Amino acid sequence: MNTRKLTFLYLAALLAAATVPAMAADPARVQREIIPGSELMTSQEREQYRLRLRGASTPEERERLRAAHVKAMEERARLQGLKVSDPSRERKGVK
């Protein structure tokens, strides 16, 4: 191999090694909540929902936003003759 290729491979390996621990150390980037009713939403609606939750200033506000979203998705599903699955509520034993 020539020197240019070796230098490129070396720099690529350094960059990869430096990036992986940083991503693993940031749980916000790794952990993603399953959005109830996401199958009924557009990608733009999902992103807007995520932004609203990130903008919540308290856990109570976040839960209020989430509950309102679930209610809206349940209504949307009902109008289409479907049912929304909410894994986080199922884990808590709420039906």
C-alpha atoms as a PDB file:
ATOM      1  CA  MET A   1       0.000   0.000   0.000  1.00  0.00           C
ATOM      2  CA  ASN A   2       1.144   3.456  -0.633  1.00  0.00           C
ATOM      3  CA  THR A   3       1.614   6.079   2.062  1.00  0.00           C
ATOM      4  CA  ARG A   4      -1.486   8.062   1.100  1.00  0.00           C
ATOM      5  CA  LYS A   5      -3.778   5.031   1.564  1.00  0.00           C
ATOM      6  CA  LEU A   6      -2.171   4.125   4.886  1.00  0.00           C
ATOM      7  CA  THR A   7      -2.565   7.695   6.130  1.00  0.00           C
ATOM      8  CA  PHE A   8      -6.221   7.726   5.086  1.00  0.00           C
ATOM      9  CA  LEU A   9      -6.923   4.389   6.808  1.00  0.00           C
ATOM     10  CA  TYR A  10      -5.127   5.560   9.957  1.00  0.00           C
ATOM     11  CA  LEU A  11      -7.131   8.804  10.095  1.00  0.00           C
ATOM     12  CA  ALA A  12     -10.398   6.956   9.436  1.00  0.00           C
ATOM     13  CA  ALA A  13      -9.633   4.516  12.272  1.00  0.00           C
ATOM     14  CA  LEU A  14      -8.835   7.382  14.651  1.00  0.00           C
ATOM     15  CA  LEU A  15     -12.047   9.158  13.753  1.00  0.00           C
ATOM     16  CA  ALA A  16     -14.123   6.005  14.237  1.00  0.00           C
ATOM     17  CA  ALA A  17     -12.478   5.267  17.590  1.00  0.00           C
ATOM     18  CA  ALA A  18     -13.084   8.807  18.815  1.00  0.00           C
ATOM     19  CA  THR A  19     -16.739   8.848  17.708  1.00  0.00           C
ATOM     20  CA  VAL A  20     -17.993   5.536  19.119  1.00  0.00           C
ATOM     21  CA  PRO A  21     -17.348   6.231  22.841  1.00  0.00           C
ATOM     22  CA  ALA A  22     -18.832   9.704  22.534  1.00  0.00           C
ATOM     23  CA  MET A  23     -22.047   8.298  21.073  1.00  0.00           C
ATOM     24  CA  ALA A  24     -22.245   5.542  23.700  1.00  0.00           C
ATOM     25  CA  ALA A  25     -21.728   8.065  26.519  1.00  0.00           C
ATOM     26  CA  ASP A  26     -24.732  10.136  25.413  1.00  0.00           C
ATOM     27  CA  PRO A  27     -27.868   8.132  26.342  1.00  0.00           C
ATOM     28  CA  ALA A  28     -30.147  10.693  24.670  1.00  0.00           C
ATOM     29  CA  ARG A  29     -28.688   9.684  21.318  1.00  0.00           C
ATOM     30  CA  VAL A  30     -28.900   5.951  22.019  1.00  0.00           C
ATOM     31  CA  GLN A  31     -32.205   5.603  23.839  1.00  0.00           C
ATOM     32  CA  ARG A  32     -35.352   6.237  21.812  1.00  0.00           C
ATOM     33  CA  GLU A  33     -38.881   6.006  23.030  1.00  0.00           C
ATOM     34  CA  ILE A  34     -41.385   4.051  20.985  1.00  0.00           C
ATOM     35  CA  ILE A  35     -43.968   6.610  19.912  1.00  0.00           C
ATOM     36  CA  PRO A  36     -47.512   5.362  20.470  1.00  0.00           C
ATOM     37  CA  GLY A  37     -49.393   5.481  17.184  1.00  0.00           C
ATOM     38  CA  SER A  38     -46.237   6.144  15.165  1.00  0.00           C
ATOM     39  CA  GLU A  39     -47.580   3.910  12.413  1.00  0.00           C
ATOM     40  CA  LEU A  40     -50.420   6.420  11.973  1.00  0.00           C
ATOM     41  CA  MET A  41     -48.085   9.430  11.773  1.00  0.00           C
ATOM     42  CA  THR A  42     -45.954  10.969   9.074  1.00  0.00           C
ATOM     43  CA  SER A  43     -42.221  11.311   9.669  1.00  0.00           C
ATOM     44  CA  GLN A  44     -42.758  15.062  10.086  1.00  0.00           C
ATOM     45  CA  GLU A  45     -45.398  14.476  12.783  1.00  0.00           C
ATOM     46  CA  ARG A  46     -43.061  12.083  14.619  1.00  0.00           C
ATOM     47  CA  GLU A  47     -40.262  14.643  14.574  1.00  0.00           C
ATOM     48  CA  GLN A  48     -42.599  17.408  15.817  1.00  0.00           C
ATOM     49  CA  TYR A  49     -43.727  15.110  18.652  1.00  0.00           C
ATOM     50  CA  ARG A  50     -40.100  14.440  19.631  1.00  0.00           C
ATOM     51  CA  LEU A  51     -39.320  18.165  19.602  1.00  0.00           C
ATOM     52  CA  ARG A  52     -42.325  18.946  21.823  1.00  0.00           C
ATOM     53  CA  LEU A  53     -41.236  16.300  24.339  1.00  0.00           C
ATOM     54  CA  ARG A  54     -37.644  17.570  24.354  1.00  0.00           C
ATOM     55  CA  GLY A  55     -38.951  21.076  24.954  1.00  0.00           C
ATOM     56  CA  ALA A  56     -40.933  20.062  28.037  1.00  0.00           C
ATOM     57  CA  SER A  57     -39.462  21.770  31.095  1.00  0.00           C
ATOM     58  CA  THR A  58     -40.665  19.240  33.693  1.00  0.00           C
ATOM     59  CA  PRO A  59     -41.389  15.508  33.791  1.00  0.00           C
ATOM     60  CA  GLU A  60     -45.034  16.373  34.527  1.00  0.00           C
ATOM     61  CA  GLU A  61     -45.291  18.504  31.398  1.00  0.00           C
ATOM     62  CA  ARG A  62     -43.664  15.723  29.390  1.00  0.00           C
ATOM     63  CA  GLU A  63     -46.212  13.215  30.722  1.00  0.00           C
ATOM     64  CA  ARG A  64     -49.078  15.610  29.982  1.00  0.00           C
ATOM     65  CA  LEU A  65     -47.876  16.043  26.384  1.00  0.00           C
ATOM     66  CA  ARG A  66     -47.474  12.299  26.018  1.00  0.00           C
ATOM     67  CA  ALA A  67     -50.959  11.585  27.403  1.00  0.00           C
ATOM     68  CA  ALA A  68     -52.511  14.137  25.037  1.00  0.00           C
ATOM     69  CA  HIS A  69     -50.643  12.550  22.138  1.00  0.00           C
ATOM     70  CA  VAL A  70     -51.833   9.045  23.063  1.00  0.00           C
ATOM     71  CA  LYS A  71     -55.415  10.293  23.273  1.00  0.00           C
ATOM     72  CA  ALA A  72     -55.127  11.937  19.831  1.00  0.00           C
ATOM     73  CA  MET A  73     -53.613   8.795  18.306  1.00  0.00           C
ATOM     74  CA  GLU A  74     -56.326   6.615  19.870  1.00  0.00           C
ATOM     75  CA  GLU A  75     -58.948   8.848  18.254  1.00  0.00           C
ATOM     76  CA  ARG A  76     -57.146   8.765  14.897  1.00  0.00           C
ATOM     77  CA  ALA A  77     -56.935   4.968  15.098  1.00  0.00           C
ATOM     78  CA  ARG A  78     -60.591   4.670  16.108  1.00  0.00           C
ATOM     79  CA  LEU A  79     -61.639   6.658  13.046  1.00  0.00           C
ATOM     80  CA  GLN A  80     -59.671   4.217  10.887  1.00  0.00           C
ATOM     81  CA  GLY A  81     -61.022   1.151  12.691  1.00  0.00           C
ATOM     82  CA  LEU A  82     -57.654   0.411  14.325  1.00  0.00           C
ATOM     83  CA  LYS A  83     -56.231   0.247  17.838  1.00  0.00           C
ATOM     84  CA  VAL A  84     -53.072   1.969  19.127  1.00  0.00           C
ATOM     85  CA  SER A  85     -50.510  -0.091  20.987  1.00  0.00           C
ATOM     86  CA  ASP A  86     -48.698   1.779  23.762  1.00  0.00           C
ATOM     87  CA  PRO A  87     -45.814  -0.364  25.058  1.00  0.00           C
ATOM     88  CA  SER A  88     -44.956   2.011  27.920  1.00  0.00           C
ATOM     89  CA  ARG A  89     -48.513   1.857  29.306  1.00  0.00           C
ATOM     90  CA  GLU A  90     -48.590  -1.922  28.856  1.00  0.00           C
ATOM     91  CA  ARG A  91     -45.385  -2.236  30.877  1.00  0.00           C
ATOM     92  CA  LYS A  92     -46.966  -0.187  33.678  1.00  0.00           C
ATOM     93  CA  GLY A  93     -50.078  -2.393  33.629  1.00  0.00           C
ATOM     94  CA  VAL A  94     -52.357   0.411  32.337  1.00  0.00           C
ATOM     95  CA  LYS A  95     -54.900  -0.534  29.691  1.00  0.00           C
END
